[in-house]
């Protein structure tokens, strides 16, 4: 009985360990990369927006 329980525990531990697919990358790598790219674009747009506001204020004076 104890050895059967121990085998089940070991099987669960082996099945749940890892977290990487067979290709060696993270399962959600493509999605996380897209999120990072979106953050970069958001920063770029925020910078462009700030520059445009500054130019508008300079022209208004």
PDB file of N, CA and C in Angstrom:
ATOM      1  N   UNK A   1       0.833  -1.197   0.000  1.00  0.00           N
ATOM      2  CA  UNK A   1       0.000   0.000   0.000  1.00  0.00           C
ATOM      3  C   UNK A   1       0.876   1.259   0.000  1.00  0.00           C
ATOM      4  N   UNK A   2       1.905   1.253   0.844  1.00  0.00           N
ATOM      5  CA  UNK A   2       2.777   2.418   0.931  1.00  0.00           C
ATOM      6  C   UNK A   2       3.567   2.614  -0.358  1.00  0.00           C
ATOM      7  N   UNK A   3       3.999   1.531  -0.969  1.00  0.00           N
ATOM      8  CA  UNK A   3       4.777   1.669  -2.199  1.00  0.00           C
ATOM      9  C   UNK A   3       3.887   2.164  -3.342  1.00  0.00           C
ATOM     10  N   UNK A   4       2.622   1.774  -3.348  1.00  0.00           N
ATOM     11  CA  UNK A   4       1.695   2.263  -4.366  1.00  0.00           C
ATOM     12  C   UNK A   4       1.450   3.752  -4.213  1.00  0.00           C
ATOM     13  N   UNK A   5       1.293   4.195  -2.993  1.00  0.00           N
ATOM     14  CA  UNK A   5       1.103   5.612  -2.714  1.00  0.00           C
ATOM     15  C   UNK A   5       2.351   6.402  -3.078  1.00  0.00           C
ATOM     16  N   UNK A   6       3.513   5.845  -2.760  1.00  0.00           N
ATOM     17  CA  UNK A   6       4.777   6.510  -3.080  1.00  0.00           C
ATOM     18  C   UNK A   6       4.949   6.620  -4.594  1.00  0.00           C
ATOM     19  N   UNK A   7       4.572   5.587  -5.330  1.00  0.00           N
ATOM     20  CA  UNK A   7       4.660   5.633  -6.794  1.00  0.00           C
ATOM     21  C   UNK A   7       3.746   6.706  -7.362  1.00  0.00           C
ATOM     22  N   UNK A   8       2.556   6.834  -6.820  1.00  0.00           N
ATOM     23  CA  UNK A   8       1.618   7.869  -7.285  1.00  0.00           C
ATOM     24  C   UNK A   8       2.165   9.264  -7.014  1.00  0.00           C
ATOM     25  N   UNK A   9       2.750   9.474  -5.852  1.00  0.00           N
ATOM     26  CA  UNK A   9       3.326  10.769  -5.504  1.00  0.00           C
ATOM     27  C   UNK A   9       4.485  11.105  -6.433  1.00  0.00           C
ATOM     28  N   UNK A  10       5.361  10.136  -6.672  1.00  0.00           N
ATOM     29  CA  UNK A  10       6.488  10.362  -7.564  1.00  0.00           C
ATOM     30  C   UNK A  10       6.023  10.640  -8.987  1.00  0.00           C
ATOM     31  N   UNK A  11       4.997   9.940  -9.424  1.00  0.00           N
ATOM     32  CA  UNK A  11       4.450  10.165 -10.759  1.00  0.00           C
ATOM     33  C   UNK A  11       3.894  11.580 -10.883  1.00  0.00           C
ATOM     34  N   UNK A  12       3.184  12.050  -9.877  1.00  0.00           N
ATOM     35  CA  UNK A  12       2.648  13.414  -9.906  1.00  0.00           C
ATOM     36  C   UNK A  12       3.759  14.448  -9.898  1.00  0.00           C
ATOM     37  N   UNK A  13       4.787  14.213  -9.093  1.00  0.00           N
ATOM     38  CA  UNK A  13       5.905  15.163  -9.048  1.00  0.00           C
ATOM     39  C   UNK A  13       6.630  15.231 -10.389  1.00  0.00           C
ATOM     40  N   UNK A  14       6.821  14.088 -11.007  1.00  0.00           N
ATOM     41  CA  UNK A  14       7.501  14.075 -12.307  1.00  0.00           C
ATOM     42  C   UNK A  14       6.647  14.718 -13.384  1.00  0.00           C
ATOM     43  N   UNK A  15       5.343  14.504 -13.319  1.00  0.00           N
ATOM     44  CA  UNK A  15       4.445  15.055 -14.330  1.00  0.00           C
ATOM     45  C   UNK A  15       4.314  16.563 -14.185  1.00  0.00           C
ATOM     46  N   UNK A  16       4.402  17.071 -12.979  1.00  0.00           N
ATOM     47  CA  UNK A  16       4.208  18.504 -12.749  1.00  0.00           C
ATOM     48  C   UNK A  16       5.501  19.295 -12.813  1.00  0.00           C
ATOM     49  N   UNK A  17       6.631  18.647 -12.769  1.00  0.00           N
ATOM     50  CA  UNK A  17       7.881  19.391 -12.810  1.00  0.00           C
ATOM     51  C   UNK A  17       8.203  19.776 -14.237  1.00  0.00           C
ATOM     52  N   UNK A  18       9.119  20.671 -14.396  1.00  0.00           N
ATOM     53  CA  UNK A  18       9.508  21.108 -15.740  1.00  0.00           C
ATOM     54  C   UNK A  18       8.895  22.452 -16.028  1.00  0.00           C
ATOM     55  N   UNK A  19       7.949  22.500 -16.906  1.00  0.00           N
ATOM     56  CA  UNK A  19       7.345  23.768 -17.284  1.00  0.00           C
ATOM     57  C   UNK A  19       7.829  24.252 -18.628  1.00  0.00           C
ATOM     58  N   UNK A  20       8.680  23.472 -19.253  1.00  0.00           N
ATOM     59  CA  UNK A  20       9.176  23.834 -20.572  1.00  0.00           C
ATOM     60  C   UNK A  20       8.691  22.801 -21.567  1.00  0.00           C
ATOM     61  N   UNK A  21       8.393  23.259 -22.763  1.00  0.00           N
ATOM     62  CA  UNK A  21       7.959  22.331 -23.787  1.00  0.00           C
ATOM     63  C   UNK A  21       9.152  21.581 -24.355  1.00  0.00           C
ATOM     64  N   UNK A  22       8.900  20.670 -25.263  1.00  0.00           N
ATOM     65  CA  UNK A  22       9.979  19.871 -25.828  1.00  0.00           C
ATOM     66  C   UNK A  22      10.958  20.710 -26.630  1.00  0.00           C
ATOM     67  N   UNK A  23      10.510  21.829 -27.162  1.00  0.00           N
ATOM     68  CA  UNK A  23      11.400  22.676 -27.952  1.00  0.00           C
ATOM     69  C   UNK A  23      12.378  23.459 -27.076  1.00  0.00           C
ATOM     70  N   UNK A  24      12.203  23.383 -25.759  1.00  0.00           N
ATOM     71  CA  UNK A  24      13.139  24.027 -24.858  1.00  0.00           C
ATOM     72  C   UNK A  24      12.715  25.417 -24.433  1.00  0.00           C
ATOM     73  N   UNK A  25      11.607  25.910 -24.943  1.00  0.00           N
ATOM     74  CA  UNK A  25      11.136  27.239 -24.578  1.00  0.00           C
ATOM     75  C   UNK A  25       9.921  27.165 -23.686  1.00  0.00           C
ATOM     76  N   UNK A  26       9.537  28.283 -23.174  1.00  0.00           N
ATOM     77  CA  UNK A  26       8.363  28.382 -22.336  1.00  0.00           C
ATOM     78  C   UNK A  26       7.116  28.191 -23.185  1.00  0.00           C
ATOM     79  N   UNK A  27       6.091  27.604 -22.610  1.00  0.00           N
ATOM     80  CA  UNK A  27       4.868  27.306 -23.348  1.00  0.00           C
ATOM     81  C   UNK A  27       4.232  28.580 -23.889  1.00  0.00           C
ATOM     82  N   UNK A  28       4.270  29.649 -23.124  1.00  0.00           N
ATOM     83  CA  UNK A  28       3.608  30.901 -23.509  1.00  0.00           C
ATOM     84  C   UNK A  28       4.610  31.922 -24.032  1.00  0.00           C
ATOM     85  N   UNK A  29       5.771  31.506 -24.494  1.00  0.00           N
ATOM     86  CA  UNK A  29       6.826  32.419 -24.911  1.00  0.00           C
ATOM     87  C   UNK A  29       6.357  33.399 -25.978  1.00  0.00           C
ATOM     88  N   UNK A  30       5.614  32.919 -26.965  1.00  0.00           N
ATOM     89  CA  UNK A  30       5.160  33.802 -28.034  1.00  0.00           C
ATOM     90  C   UNK A  30       4.244  34.898 -27.479  1.00  0.00           C
ATOM     91  N   UNK A  31       3.352  34.518 -26.565  1.00  0.00           N
ATOM     92  CA  UNK A  31       2.447  35.506 -25.984  1.00  0.00           C
ATOM     93  C   UNK A  31       3.189  36.496 -25.094  1.00  0.00           C
ATOM     94  N   UNK A  32       4.130  36.029 -24.307  1.00  0.00           N
ATOM     95  CA  UNK A  32       4.869  36.959 -23.445  1.00  0.00           C
ATOM     96  C   UNK A  32       5.750  37.886 -24.271  1.00  0.00           C
ATOM     97  N   UNK A  33       6.282  37.378 -25.384  1.00  0.00           N
ATOM     98  CA  UNK A  33       7.062  38.244 -26.272  1.00  0.00           C
ATOM     99  C   UNK A  33       6.184  39.342 -26.861  1.00  0.00           C
ATOM    100  N   UNK A  34       4.956  39.004 -27.225  1.00  0.00           N
ATOM    101  CA  UNK A  34       4.044  40.007 -27.782  1.00  0.00           C
ATOM    102  C   UNK A  34       3.681  41.056 -26.729  1.00  0.00           C
ATOM    103  N   UNK A  35       3.529  40.648 -25.489  1.00  0.00           N
ATOM    104  CA  UNK A  35       3.242  41.602 -24.414  1.00  0.00           C
ATOM    105  C   UNK A  35       4.416  42.561 -24.246  1.00  0.00           C
ATOM    106  N   UNK A  36       5.632  42.041 -24.295  1.00  0.00           N
ATOM    107  CA  UNK A  36       6.818  42.898 -24.187  1.00  0.00           C
ATOM    108  C   UNK A  36       6.885  43.887 -25.346  1.00  0.00           C
ATOM    109  N   UNK A  37       6.575  43.431 -26.547  1.00  0.00           N
ATOM    110  CA  UNK A  37       6.582  44.326 -27.706  1.00  0.00           C
ATOM    111  C   UNK A  37       5.512  45.400 -27.553  1.00  0.00           C
ATOM    112  N   UNK A  38       4.346  45.020 -27.036  1.00  0.00           N
ATOM    113  CA  UNK A  38       3.271  45.992 -26.833  1.00  0.00           C
ATOM    114  C   UNK A  38       3.680  47.050 -25.816  1.00  0.00           C
ATOM    115  N   UNK A  39       4.394  46.655 -24.782  1.00  0.00           N
ATOM    116  CA  UNK A  39       4.873  47.631 -23.789  1.00  0.00           C
ATOM    117  C   UNK A  39       5.871  48.603 -24.422  1.00  0.00           C
ATOM    118  N   UNK A  40       6.738  48.064 -25.277  1.00  0.00           N
ATOM    119  CA  UNK A  40       7.705  48.925 -25.962  1.00  0.00           C
ATOM    120  C   UNK A  40       6.997  49.934 -26.862  1.00  0.00           C
ATOM    121  N   UNK A  41       5.979  49.481 -27.579  1.00  0.00           N
ATOM    122  CA  UNK A  41       5.212  50.376 -28.454  1.00  0.00           C
ATOM    123  C   UNK A  41       4.479  51.418 -27.628  1.00  0.00           C
ATOM    124  N   UNK A  42       3.940  51.007 -26.482  1.00  0.00           N
ATOM    125  CA  UNK A  42       3.242  51.946 -25.607  1.00  0.00           C
ATOM    126  C   UNK A  42       4.191  53.045 -25.123  1.00  0.00           C
ATOM    127  N   UNK A  43       5.399  52.665 -24.752  1.00  0.00           N
ATOM    128  CA  UNK A  43       6.398  53.653 -24.329  1.00  0.00           C
ATOM    129  C   UNK A  43       6.749  54.599 -25.473  1.00  0.00           C
ATOM    130  N   UNK A  44       6.905  54.057 -26.660  1.00  0.00           N
ATOM    131  CA  UNK A  44       7.234  54.866 -27.828  1.00  0.00           C
ATOM    132  C   UNK A  44       6.118  55.866 -28.134  1.00  0.00           C
ATOM    133  N   UNK A  45       4.880  55.403 -28.077  1.00  0.00           N
ATOM    134  CA  UNK A  45       3.748  56.296 -28.337  1.00  0.00           C
ATOM    135  C   UNK A  45       3.615  57.365 -27.253  1.00  0.00           C
ATOM    136  N   UNK A  46       3.893  56.994 -26.019  1.00  0.00           N
ATOM    137  CA  UNK A  46       3.840  57.972 -24.933  1.00  0.00           C
ATOM    138  C   UNK A  46       4.884  59.063 -25.115  1.00  0.00           C
ATOM    139  N   UNK A  47       6.070  58.686 -25.544  1.00  0.00           N
ATOM    140  CA  UNK A  47       7.133  59.660 -25.802  1.00  0.00           C
ATOM    141  C   UNK A  47       6.761  60.581 -26.954  1.00  0.00           C
ATOM    142  N   UNK A  48       6.231  60.007 -28.023  1.00  0.00           N
ATOM    143  CA  UNK A  48       5.825  60.811 -29.177  1.00  0.00           C
ATOM    144  C   UNK A  48       4.704  61.770 -28.795  1.00  0.00           C
ATOM    145  N   UNK A  49       3.784  61.306 -27.974  1.00  0.00           N
ATOM    146  CA  UNK A  49       2.679  62.143 -27.526  1.00  0.00           C
ATOM    147  C   UNK A  49       3.196  63.315 -26.687  1.00  0.00           C
ATOM    148  N   UNK A  50       4.143  63.057 -25.808  1.00  0.00           N
ATOM    149  CA  UNK A  50       4.700  64.115 -24.971  1.00  0.00           C
ATOM    150  C   UNK A  50       5.427  65.160 -25.826  1.00  0.00           C
ATOM    151  N   UNK A  51       6.167  64.706 -26.836  1.00  0.00           N
ATOM    152  CA  UNK A  51       6.855  65.643 -27.729  1.00  0.00           C
ATOM    153  C   UNK A  51       5.860  66.502 -28.506  1.00  0.00           C
ATOM    154  N   UNK A  52       4.800  65.873 -28.969  1.00  0.00           N
ATOM    155  CA  UNK A  52       3.799  66.621 -29.729  1.00  0.00           C
ATOM    156  C   UNK A  52       3.120  67.671 -28.844  1.00  0.00           C
ATOM    157  N   UNK A  53       2.806  67.312 -27.619  1.00  0.00           N
ATOM    158  CA  UNK A  53       2.192  68.278 -26.700  1.00  0.00           C
ATOM    159  C   UNK A  53       3.138  69.452 -26.432  1.00  0.00           C
ATOM    160  N   UNK A  54       4.418  69.129 -26.285  1.00  0.00           N
ATOM    161  CA  UNK A  54       5.403  70.171 -26.030  1.00  0.00           C
ATOM    162  C   UNK A  54       5.483  71.119 -27.225  1.00  0.00           C
ATOM    163  N   UNK A  55       5.471  70.601 -28.429  1.00  0.00           N
ATOM    164  CA  UNK A  55       5.513  71.451 -29.625  1.00  0.00           C
ATOM    165  C   UNK A  55       4.273  72.329 -29.721  1.00  0.00           C
ATOM    166  N   UNK A  56       3.133  71.756 -29.392  1.00  0.00           N
ATOM    167  CA  UNK A  56       1.874  72.533 -29.435  1.00  0.00           C
ATOM    168  C   UNK A  56       1.934  73.658 -28.413  1.00  0.00           C
ATOM    169  N   UNK A  57       2.424  73.391 -27.218  1.00  0.00           N
ATOM    170  CA  UNK A  57       2.534  74.435 -26.192  1.00  0.00           C
ATOM    171  C   UNK A  57       3.509  75.525 -26.617  1.00  0.00           C
ATOM    172  N   UNK A  58       4.618  75.120 -27.266  1.00  0.00           N
ATOM    173  CA  UNK A  58       5.595  76.112 -27.716  1.00  0.00           C
ATOM    174  C   UNK A  58       4.993  77.003 -28.809  1.00  0.00           C
ATOM    175  N   UNK A  59       4.178  76.428 -29.673  1.00  0.00           N
ATOM    176  CA  UNK A  59       3.555  77.212 -30.740  1.00  0.00           C
ATOM    177  C   UNK A  59       2.474  78.135 -30.188  1.00  0.00           C
ATOM    178  N   UNK A  60       1.833  77.715 -29.108  1.00  0.00           N
ATOM    179  CA  UNK A  60       0.762  78.521 -28.521  1.00  0.00           C
ATOM    180  C   UNK A  60       1.317  79.766 -27.818  1.00  0.00           C
ATOM    181  N   UNK A  61       2.569  79.740 -27.426  1.00  0.00           N
ATOM    182  CA  UNK A  61       3.134  80.883 -26.699  1.00  0.00           C
ATOM    183  C   UNK A  61       3.580  81.969 -27.585  1.00  0.00           C
TER     184      UNK A  61
END
